[in-house]
Amino acid sequence: MINVGIIGFGTVGTGTARILLENSDVIEEKTGIRINLHSIADLDIERDRGLKVPPGILTREVSDILDNPDVDVVVELIGGIQPAKDFILRALNNGKHVVTANKALLATDGGEIFEAAGRNSVSVGIEAAVAGGIPIIKVLKEGLVANRILSIYGIINGTSNFILTKMTEDGIDFSDALSEAQVLGYAEANPALDIEGFDSAHKLTIISSLSFGIPLSYDKVHIEGITMLTPQDIAFAGELGYKIKLLAIAKAVNGEVELRVHPTMIPESYLISKVDGVLNAVYVVGDAVGETLYYGRGAGDMPTGSAVVSDIVDIARDIKNKGASRCGTGFIGKRSDLTIKAIGDIESMYYFRFTALDRPGVLSRISGILGDHNIGIAAVIQKGRQAGAAVPLVVLTHRARERDVQKALQEIDRLDVVADKTAFIRVEGEEVQGLND
C-alpha cells in the first residue's frame, strides 16, 4: 500500500481526493497497487467540498504529512511560491516523493527543487503543472523520447482562449469578454496572470526545458498578453483567413531556441485554430514523428486531479518495483548547447493595422519605409474610405526580422499621415500569396 498526503484542499485538491477515494478500485485493478489517501492538510477543514472524506484524514497541521514516516508521496496543491517551496523541499529532504501542479514555482525555482530530489533519490511529478488533463509531460518524456523536438505551439491558458473565442464569435470587446469569463468562473477577480500571458509563460518554461534540455528560463521568455486586442483586428484577421490565439511558442532553430508568448494569427484551416472556449491544445513537431496535436481540458478539479493521480500512480509503481523513476524530470535541470534567441532576432510574418489619413500617396510612403527595412508586403486591406480622415490600413507581410519590424514601425508612427500607434500581431503558418483588397 502507498500512502498519499495532500497539502491544499481547494479545487484541485478536492478533485484529486475524489479520484483517489472514488476510483481506488479502478486504480488497483489496473496497477495491482493499493493507493491510500492517508491525510489532507488545509487551514480550512470545516467547509463542505461536496466530498465525503473518511474520519481522521483531515488535519490543519502540515507536519502531519511532511514529517510522518507513513506518508510515501506528498502532493502539494496550495500554489504560489511560499510556503509551497518550503513544504516541497522539506518533503524531499525527508525522503518523500512529491507531486505538484505548481507551474509558477517550477518555472522560477524548479532547478532547486529538482536538485533536492536528485540528492535524496526521490521523484517530483509535474504532469498537472501544464495543460491540466492533457498528458503533455508524459508525451514529451516518454511518447516522444526518440525525437528531437523541433517546435511547440501551445494554447495553454483557458481563460485567455475563452476571451478570444467570445471576441471572435460575438464581436465584443475585450472588457466585455473578460467580464463574462469572470461571471462564469473562468477568470479570477484579478486575472493578470492569465490575460497578460504569465501563466502561459510558466508552462512554456517547463515544457521547453523538458523538450530541449535548456535550463528553466522563465526570465528569458518574451511575454505579451491579450489586453490590447480589438474586435477590429480579429475581424481583419478573419478576412485574411486567420484566427488570433494566445500562443506559447518554442522553436529550436540553428542552435537557438525561441521562447515567446503573445497573440498570434494562425490560418483558420489549422486544427489548433479550431480549439475554442476554455479548452487547451499543444502542437508538437518531432523530427521522427512529425506533427502531433494534443487536445483537451486544461484546468478544473477533475482534469487536473487526473493528472496529479497519474503521477502518484507512476511513483507508486516505482516504489513497488524498486526501479528508477519513470516520473523523473527527463531533460529538466540538464544543460544543452542551445541558447535562447532574443526576440529581436526572430523571424515571422506580421499583421499591421495603421491608422492612416485617407490621402493619395500614403500607402506608398508606408510601403517605402517597410521596403527600406527589408519587409515585403503580402496583402493589403483598406476599407471605409473618407477623404482626409483617419482610416484603418491593414498590411500582412512576408517573413521579416523582428528588429527590422520594430524600427520600421517607429519610423512609420512618426509620419504626419499616421494618426495613432500601429497595432501589430505576429503571424505563424503559410504565407498568403498576394491578397489585395
Protein backbone atom coordinates (compact mmCIF):
# COMPACT_ATOMS: atom_id res chain seq x y z
CA MET A 1 0.00 0.00 0.00
CA ILE A 2 1.22 3.51 -0.91
CA ASN A 3 0.15 6.31 1.42
CA VAL A 4 -0.54 9.76 -0.03
CA GLY A 5 -0.82 13.07 1.79
CA ILE A 6 -2.35 16.11 0.10
CA ILE A 7 -1.46 19.67 1.11
CA GLY A 8 -4.22 22.00 -0.04
CA PHE A 9 -7.92 21.14 -0.17
CA GLY A 10 -9.03 23.65 -2.79
CA THR A 11 -10.39 22.94 -6.25
CA VAL A 12 -7.62 20.63 -7.47
CA GLY A 13 -7.06 19.12 -4.04
CA THR A 14 -10.73 18.19 -3.87
CA GLY A 15 -10.65 16.69 -7.36
CA THR A 16 -7.55 14.67 -6.54
CA ALA A 17 -9.06 13.39 -3.29
CA ARG A 18 -12.29 12.48 -5.08
CA ILE A 19 -10.44 10.41 -7.67
CA LEU A 20 -8.32 8.64 -5.06
CA LEU A 21 -11.40 7.80 -2.97
CA GLU A 22 -13.93 7.02 -5.68
CA ASN A 23 -11.65 5.36 -8.25
CA SER A 24 -9.37 3.47 -5.88
CA ASP A 25 -10.75 0.14 -7.10
CA VAL A 26 -10.14 1.11 -10.75
CA ILE A 27 -6.57 2.16 -9.99
CA GLU A 28 -5.83 -1.02 -8.04
CA GLU A 29 -7.36 -3.18 -10.74
CA LYS A 30 -5.19 -1.57 -13.42
CA THR A 31 -1.95 -1.38 -11.44
CA GLY A 32 -2.13 -4.04 -8.76
CA ILE A 33 -1.25 -1.34 -6.22
CA ARG A 34 -3.44 -0.02 -3.46
CA ILE A 35 -3.07 3.75 -3.16
CA ASN A 36 -4.40 5.05 0.13
CA LEU A 37 -5.40 8.65 0.82
CA HIS A 38 -3.71 8.94 4.19
CA SER A 39 -4.26 12.62 5.02
CA ILE A 40 -5.25 16.06 3.74
CA ALA A 41 -3.86 19.25 5.29
CA ASP A 42 -5.62 22.59 4.92
CA LEU A 43 -6.24 25.63 7.10
CA ASP A 44 -9.99 25.25 6.47
CA ILE A 45 -11.18 21.73 7.19
CA GLU A 46 -14.78 22.70 8.02
CA ARG A 47 -16.06 23.91 4.63
CA ASP A 48 -18.20 21.47 2.68
CA ARG A 49 -16.43 20.46 -0.55
CA GLY A 50 -19.20 18.14 -1.68
CA LEU A 51 -17.00 15.15 -0.90
CA LYS A 52 -17.40 12.69 1.95
CA VAL A 53 -13.95 12.20 3.49
CA PRO A 54 -13.32 9.29 5.88
CA PRO A 55 -12.76 10.35 9.51
CA GLY A 56 -9.23 11.08 10.66
CA ILE A 57 -7.93 12.21 7.25
CA LEU A 58 -8.32 16.00 7.58
CA THR A 59 -5.74 17.99 9.54
CA ARG A 60 -4.69 21.60 9.92
CA GLU A 61 -1.07 20.63 10.63
CA VAL A 62 1.13 20.25 7.56
CA SER A 63 3.70 18.46 9.72
CA ASP A 64 1.22 15.58 9.98
CA ILE A 65 2.09 14.93 6.35
CA LEU A 66 5.62 16.27 5.85
CA ASP A 67 7.12 14.61 8.93
CA ASN A 68 5.01 11.46 9.06
CA PRO A 69 7.10 8.39 8.22
CA ASP A 70 3.99 6.57 6.99
CA VAL A 71 3.39 9.06 4.14
CA ASP A 72 5.16 7.98 0.94
CA VAL A 73 4.00 10.68 -1.50
CA VAL A 74 3.33 14.35 -0.71
CA VAL A 75 1.02 16.20 -3.10
CA GLU A 76 1.44 20.00 -3.00
CA LEU A 77 -1.65 21.80 -4.27
CA ILE A 78 -1.65 25.15 -2.49
CA GLY A 79 0.05 27.08 -5.31
CA GLY A 80 2.22 30.18 -5.11
CA ILE A 81 5.89 30.34 -4.26
CA GLN A 82 5.84 30.33 -0.45
CA PRO A 83 5.17 28.38 1.68
CA ALA A 84 4.80 25.80 -1.12
CA LYS A 85 8.53 25.80 -1.89
CA ASP A 86 9.48 25.20 1.75
CA PHE A 87 6.92 22.40 2.05
CA ILE A 88 8.22 20.66 -1.08
CA LEU A 89 11.88 20.93 -0.07
CA ARG A 90 11.07 19.67 3.40
CA ALA A 91 9.24 16.67 1.95
CA LEU A 92 12.10 15.87 -0.42
CA ASN A 93 14.70 16.18 2.33
CA ASN A 94 12.57 13.80 4.41
CA GLY A 95 12.89 11.25 1.62
CA LYS A 96 9.35 11.62 0.33
CA HIS A 97 8.30 11.73 -3.29
CA VAL A 98 6.43 14.86 -4.35
CA VAL A 99 3.71 15.60 -6.89
CA THR A 100 2.86 19.23 -7.66
CA ALA A 101 0.70 21.27 -10.03
CA ASN A 102 2.59 24.46 -9.16
CA LYS A 103 3.76 25.78 -12.53
CA ALA A 104 4.82 29.20 -11.20
CA LEU A 105 7.08 27.64 -8.59
CA LEU A 106 8.55 25.13 -11.04
CA ALA A 107 9.22 27.81 -13.65
CA THR A 108 11.05 30.11 -11.24
CA ASP A 109 12.57 27.76 -8.63
CA GLY A 110 12.34 24.34 -10.25
CA GLY A 111 16.10 23.93 -10.51
CA GLU A 112 16.50 23.94 -6.74
CA ILE A 113 13.60 21.52 -6.33
CA PHE A 114 14.89 19.02 -8.89
CA GLU A 115 18.39 19.17 -7.40
CA ALA A 116 16.95 18.35 -3.97
CA ALA A 117 15.02 15.43 -5.46
CA GLY A 118 18.21 14.10 -7.03
CA ARG A 119 20.18 14.38 -3.79
CA ASN A 120 17.53 12.43 -1.93
CA SER A 121 16.87 9.86 -4.71
CA VAL A 122 13.17 10.69 -4.90
CA SER A 123 10.84 11.83 -7.67
CA VAL A 124 8.99 15.03 -8.48
CA GLY A 125 5.84 14.51 -10.55
CA ILE A 126 4.83 17.57 -12.60
CA GLU A 127 2.21 16.35 -15.09
CA ALA A 128 -0.53 18.55 -13.62
CA ALA A 129 1.56 21.72 -13.94
CA VAL A 130 0.93 22.06 -17.68
CA ALA A 131 -2.36 21.78 -19.59
CA GLY A 132 -4.43 20.09 -16.88
CA GLY A 133 -5.83 16.80 -18.13
CA ILE A 134 -3.70 16.71 -21.30
CA PRO A 135 -0.76 14.35 -20.56
CA ILE A 136 1.76 16.54 -22.38
CA ILE A 137 4.58 15.99 -19.86
CA LYS A 138 4.33 12.24 -20.29
CA VAL A 139 4.16 12.67 -24.07
CA LEU A 140 7.41 14.63 -24.08
CA LYS A 141 9.21 12.37 -21.56
CA GLU A 142 8.02 9.03 -22.88
CA GLY A 143 5.94 9.01 -26.06
CA LEU A 144 8.31 11.30 -27.99
CA VAL A 145 11.53 10.36 -26.21
CA ALA A 146 13.06 9.14 -29.50
CA ASN A 147 12.53 12.54 -31.15
CA ARG A 148 14.42 15.75 -31.34
CA ILE A 149 11.67 18.25 -30.66
CA LEU A 150 11.67 20.91 -33.35
CA SER A 151 8.83 23.17 -32.28
CA ILE A 152 5.92 23.53 -29.86
CA TYR A 153 2.84 25.70 -30.19
CA GLY A 154 0.50 25.74 -27.21
CA ILE A 155 -2.88 27.17 -26.32
CA ILE A 156 -2.28 26.57 -22.63
CA ASN A 157 -4.40 29.16 -20.85
CA GLY A 158 -8.13 28.50 -20.90
CA THR A 159 -9.11 31.94 -19.61
CA SER A 160 -7.43 33.78 -22.48
CA ASN A 161 -8.70 31.27 -25.01
CA PHE A 162 -12.27 31.73 -23.76
CA ILE A 163 -11.97 35.52 -24.01
CA LEU A 164 -10.58 35.38 -27.55
CA THR A 165 -13.28 32.91 -28.57
CA LYS A 166 -16.02 35.24 -27.30
CA MET A 167 -14.43 38.22 -29.06
CA THR A 168 -14.23 36.24 -32.30
CA GLU A 169 -17.69 34.67 -32.24
CA ASP A 170 -19.68 37.56 -30.75
CA GLY A 171 -17.68 40.56 -31.96
CA ILE A 172 -17.47 42.00 -28.45
CA ASP A 173 -14.56 43.92 -27.00
CA PHE A 174 -12.01 42.59 -24.54
CA SER A 175 -13.53 44.06 -21.38
CA ASP A 176 -16.96 42.55 -22.07
CA ALA A 177 -15.47 39.14 -22.81
CA LEU A 178 -13.40 39.30 -19.62
CA SER A 179 -16.48 40.20 -17.57
CA GLU A 180 -18.33 37.19 -18.97
CA ALA A 181 -15.37 34.93 -18.16
CA GLN A 182 -15.40 36.21 -14.59
CA VAL A 183 -19.15 35.67 -14.20
CA LEU A 184 -18.77 32.08 -15.43
CA GLY A 185 -15.83 31.43 -13.10
CA TYR A 186 -13.26 31.08 -15.89
CA ALA A 187 -11.34 34.19 -14.82
CA GLU A 188 -10.18 35.33 -11.40
CA ALA A 189 -11.18 38.67 -9.90
CA ASN A 190 -7.57 39.66 -10.65
CA PRO A 191 -6.95 37.92 -14.00
CA ALA A 192 -3.50 39.39 -14.71
CA LEU A 193 -1.64 36.06 -14.63
CA ASP A 194 -3.89 34.74 -17.40
CA ILE A 195 -4.58 37.72 -19.64
CA GLU A 196 -1.05 39.15 -19.51
CA GLY A 197 0.48 35.84 -20.60
CA PHE A 198 2.39 35.00 -17.41
CA ASP A 199 0.57 31.71 -16.75
CA SER A 200 1.30 30.52 -20.30
CA ALA A 201 4.93 31.57 -19.88
CA HIS A 202 5.27 29.50 -16.69
CA LYS A 203 4.01 26.44 -18.53
CA LEU A 204 6.15 27.12 -21.61
CA THR A 205 9.22 27.35 -19.38
CA ILE A 206 8.60 23.82 -18.11
CA ILE A 207 7.87 22.11 -21.42
CA SER A 208 10.68 23.89 -23.27
CA SER A 209 13.21 22.79 -20.66
CA LEU A 210 11.88 19.26 -20.89
CA SER A 211 11.92 19.30 -24.69
CA PHE A 212 15.24 21.00 -25.43
CA GLY A 213 17.38 20.32 -22.37
CA ILE A 214 17.80 24.02 -21.63
CA PRO A 215 17.75 25.36 -18.06
CA LEU A 216 14.43 26.60 -16.78
CA SER A 217 14.39 30.04 -18.40
CA TYR A 218 11.25 31.92 -17.37
CA ASP A 219 13.15 35.20 -17.20
CA LYS A 220 14.07 34.83 -20.88
CA VAL A 221 10.57 34.21 -22.23
CA HIS A 222 9.18 37.09 -24.27
CA ILE A 223 5.68 37.72 -22.87
CA GLU A 224 2.76 39.72 -24.25
CA GLY A 225 -0.88 39.46 -23.23
CA ILE A 226 -4.21 39.92 -24.97
CA THR A 227 -5.48 43.12 -23.35
CA MET A 228 -4.74 45.33 -26.37
CA LEU A 229 -6.54 43.17 -28.94
CA THR A 230 -9.63 44.69 -30.55
CA PRO A 231 -12.66 43.26 -32.36
CA GLN A 232 -11.43 45.20 -35.39
CA ASP A 233 -8.15 43.26 -35.51
CA ILE A 234 -9.97 39.96 -35.01
CA ALA A 235 -12.33 40.82 -37.88
CA PHE A 236 -9.46 41.77 -40.21
CA ALA A 237 -7.65 38.55 -39.29
CA GLY A 238 -10.77 36.63 -40.33
CA GLU A 239 -10.88 38.40 -43.70
CA LEU A 240 -7.30 37.32 -44.27
CA GLY A 241 -8.15 33.71 -43.37
CA TYR A 242 -6.66 33.71 -39.86
CA LYS A 243 -7.73 33.44 -36.22
CA ILE A 244 -5.98 35.06 -33.29
CA LYS A 245 -4.87 32.88 -30.37
CA LEU A 246 -2.61 33.47 -27.39
CA LEU A 247 0.17 31.05 -28.29
CA ALA A 248 3.11 29.79 -26.27
CA ILE A 249 5.82 29.10 -28.83
CA ALA A 250 9.13 27.26 -28.54
CA LYS A 251 11.27 26.58 -31.60
CA ALA A 252 14.76 25.15 -31.97
CA VAL A 253 16.50 26.70 -34.98
CA ASN A 254 20.21 26.72 -35.80
CA GLY A 255 21.41 26.13 -32.26
CA GLU A 256 19.00 28.62 -30.67
CA VAL A 257 15.60 28.31 -29.00
CA GLU A 258 12.81 30.84 -29.38
CA LEU A 259 10.67 31.22 -26.23
CA ARG A 260 7.71 33.54 -26.63
CA VAL A 261 4.13 34.03 -25.53
CA HIS A 262 1.99 36.50 -27.45
CA PRO A 263 -1.19 36.87 -29.51
CA THR A 264 -0.61 35.11 -32.81
CA MET A 265 -2.51 34.90 -36.08
CA ILE A 266 -2.71 31.35 -37.39
CA PRO A 267 -4.54 30.06 -40.50
CA GLU A 268 -8.14 29.21 -39.64
CA SER A 269 -7.70 25.92 -41.53
CA TYR A 270 -5.19 24.68 -38.91
CA LEU A 271 -6.56 22.27 -36.33
CA ILE A 272 -5.15 24.27 -33.42
CA SER A 273 -7.04 27.37 -34.56
CA LYS A 274 -10.29 25.45 -34.01
CA VAL A 275 -9.56 24.96 -30.29
CA ASP A 276 -12.06 27.28 -28.66
CA GLY A 277 -13.53 28.15 -25.27
CA VAL A 278 -11.61 27.06 -22.20
CA LEU A 279 -10.03 24.08 -23.96
CA ASN A 280 -6.26 23.71 -24.37
CA ALA A 281 -4.12 22.22 -27.11
CA VAL A 282 -0.42 21.58 -27.61
CA TYR A 283 1.00 21.06 -31.11
CA VAL A 284 4.40 19.35 -31.10
CA VAL A 285 6.69 18.67 -34.05
CA GLY A 286 9.35 15.97 -33.68
CA ASP A 287 12.00 15.04 -36.22
CA ALA A 288 10.84 11.42 -36.36
CA VAL A 289 7.12 11.56 -35.62
CA GLY A 290 6.35 14.78 -37.49
CA GLU A 291 3.32 16.85 -36.48
CA THR A 292 1.23 15.83 -33.45
CA LEU A 293 -1.62 17.56 -31.60
CA TYR A 294 -2.83 17.03 -28.02
CA TYR A 295 -6.19 18.49 -27.05
CA GLY A 296 -8.46 18.59 -24.02
CA ARG A 297 -9.44 20.33 -20.81
CA GLY A 298 -6.55 22.34 -19.45
CA ALA A 299 -7.89 23.13 -15.99
CA GLY A 300 -10.54 22.19 -13.46
CA ASP A 301 -10.78 19.92 -10.45
CA MET A 302 -11.15 16.57 -12.18
CA PRO A 303 -8.93 17.00 -15.29
CA THR A 304 -6.06 18.38 -13.21
CA GLY A 305 -6.75 15.88 -10.45
CA SER A 306 -6.48 13.14 -13.07
CA ALA A 307 -3.01 14.39 -13.99
CA VAL A 308 -1.98 14.50 -10.31
CA VAL A 309 -3.12 10.93 -9.76
CA SER A 310 -1.28 9.74 -12.88
CA ASP A 311 1.96 10.94 -11.28
CA ILE A 312 1.05 9.30 -7.99
CA VAL A 313 0.48 6.01 -9.82
CA ASP A 314 3.82 6.24 -11.65
CA ILE A 315 5.62 6.85 -8.38
CA ALA A 316 3.73 4.02 -6.71
CA ARG A 317 4.84 1.64 -9.46
CA ASP A 318 8.44 2.73 -8.96
CA ILE A 319 8.21 2.23 -5.22
CA LYS A 320 6.71 -1.23 -5.68
CA ASN A 321 9.25 -2.29 -8.30
CA LYS A 322 12.20 -0.58 -6.60
CA GLY A 323 13.14 0.74 -10.01
CA ALA A 324 14.34 4.00 -11.49
CA SER A 325 11.65 6.62 -11.59
CA ARG A 326 9.57 6.93 -14.74
CA CYS A 327 8.25 10.07 -13.13
CA GLY A 328 11.68 11.69 -13.28
CA THR A 329 12.30 15.04 -14.84
CA GLY A 330 13.97 13.98 -18.08
CA PHE A 331 15.99 16.85 -19.53
CA ILE A 332 14.95 19.33 -16.84
CA GLY A 333 17.93 20.60 -14.90
CA LYS A 334 20.41 19.41 -17.55
CA ARG A 335 22.15 21.75 -19.91
CA SER A 336 22.38 21.66 -23.66
CA ASP A 337 24.37 23.72 -26.12
CA LEU A 338 21.25 25.61 -27.19
CA THR A 339 20.93 29.29 -26.31
CA ILE A 340 17.82 31.45 -26.04
CA LYS A 341 17.22 33.68 -29.06
CA ALA A 342 16.48 37.34 -28.37
CA ILE A 343 13.05 38.47 -29.53
CA GLY A 344 14.63 40.99 -31.87
CA ASP A 345 16.31 38.17 -33.81
CA ILE A 346 13.23 36.06 -34.52
CA GLU A 347 11.67 35.96 -37.98
CA SER A 348 7.94 35.91 -38.57
CA MET A 349 5.21 37.23 -40.79
CA TYR A 350 3.40 40.24 -39.38
CA TYR A 351 -0.02 41.86 -39.39
CA PHE A 352 -0.03 45.68 -39.19
CA ARG A 353 -3.05 47.94 -38.73
CA PHE A 354 -2.11 51.52 -39.47
CA THR A 355 -4.45 54.40 -38.62
CA ALA A 356 -3.64 56.47 -41.68
CA LEU A 357 -5.12 59.59 -43.25
CA ASP A 358 -7.00 58.85 -46.46
CA ARG A 359 -4.79 60.81 -48.83
CA PRO A 360 -3.06 59.97 -52.09
CA GLY A 361 0.43 58.51 -51.65
CA VAL A 362 0.02 57.34 -48.05
CA LEU A 363 0.36 53.65 -48.88
CA SER A 364 3.44 54.32 -50.99
CA ARG A 365 5.10 56.20 -48.11
CA ILE A 366 4.38 53.37 -45.67
CA SER A 367 5.41 50.65 -48.11
CA GLY A 368 8.58 52.56 -48.89
CA ILE A 369 9.63 52.55 -45.24
CA LEU A 370 8.78 48.85 -44.96
CA GLY A 371 10.87 48.15 -48.04
CA ASP A 372 13.79 50.12 -46.64
CA HIS A 373 13.75 47.73 -43.67
CA ASN A 374 13.56 44.57 -45.81
CA ILE A 375 9.87 43.96 -45.09
CA GLY A 376 7.83 42.72 -48.05
CA ILE A 377 4.06 43.17 -48.33
CA ALA A 378 1.91 40.08 -48.93
CA ALA A 379 -1.60 41.56 -48.60
CA VAL A 380 -3.35 44.91 -48.12
CA ILE A 381 -6.86 45.76 -46.93
CA GLN A 382 -8.25 49.29 -46.90
CA LYS A 383 -11.92 49.98 -46.10
CA GLY A 384 -14.20 52.78 -45.02
CA ARG A 385 -12.52 55.42 -47.16
CA GLN A 386 -13.15 59.01 -46.02
CA ALA A 387 -11.11 61.63 -47.81
CA GLY A 388 -8.77 63.32 -45.35
CA ALA A 389 -9.96 61.26 -42.37
CA ALA A 390 -8.04 58.58 -40.48
CA VAL A 391 -8.99 55.07 -41.62
CA PRO A 392 -7.58 51.60 -40.95
CA LEU A 393 -4.99 50.35 -43.40
CA VAL A 394 -4.13 46.68 -42.91
CA VAL A 395 -0.93 45.11 -44.20
CA LEU A 396 0.16 41.48 -43.98
CA THR A 397 3.89 40.97 -44.55
CA HIS A 398 6.16 38.23 -45.76
CA ARG A 399 8.70 36.89 -43.27
CA ALA A 400 10.78 39.61 -41.67
CA ARG A 401 13.12 40.09 -38.74
CA GLU A 402 11.54 41.46 -35.56
CA ARG A 403 14.26 44.06 -35.04
CA ASP A 404 13.64 45.45 -38.54
CA VAL A 405 9.90 45.49 -37.92
CA GLN A 406 10.24 47.48 -34.71
CA LYS A 407 12.49 50.04 -36.36
CA ALA A 408 10.13 50.40 -39.33
CA LEU A 409 7.08 50.88 -37.12
CA GLN A 410 8.82 53.55 -35.05
CA GLU A 411 9.57 55.44 -38.25
CA ILE A 412 6.07 54.98 -39.67
CA ASP A 413 4.37 56.09 -36.46
CA ARG A 414 6.22 59.41 -36.73
CA LEU A 415 4.71 60.17 -40.14
CA ASP A 416 2.30 63.11 -40.27
CA VAL A 417 -0.20 60.91 -42.15
CA VAL A 418 -0.38 58.30 -39.36
CA ALA A 419 -2.80 59.27 -36.61
CA ASP A 420 -2.21 56.58 -33.98
CA LYS A 421 0.26 53.95 -32.83
CA THR A 422 0.33 50.97 -35.18
CA ALA A 423 -1.17 47.70 -33.98
CA PHE A 424 0.85 44.64 -34.91
CA ILE A 425 0.44 40.89 -34.44
CA ARG A 426 2.89 38.14 -35.31
CA VAL A 427 1.71 35.55 -37.81
CA GLU A 428 2.57 31.85 -37.91
CA GLY A 429 1.75 29.49 -40.77
CA GLU A 430 1.86 29.53 -44.51
CA GLU A 431 2.39 32.80 -46.30
CA VAL A 432 -0.55 34.19 -48.26
CA GLN A 433 0.02 34.70 -51.93
CA GLY A 434 -0.74 38.36 -52.59
CA LEU A 435 -4.28 39.11 -51.42
CA ASN A 436 -5.13 42.73 -52.13
CA ASP A 437 -8.42 44.45 -51.33
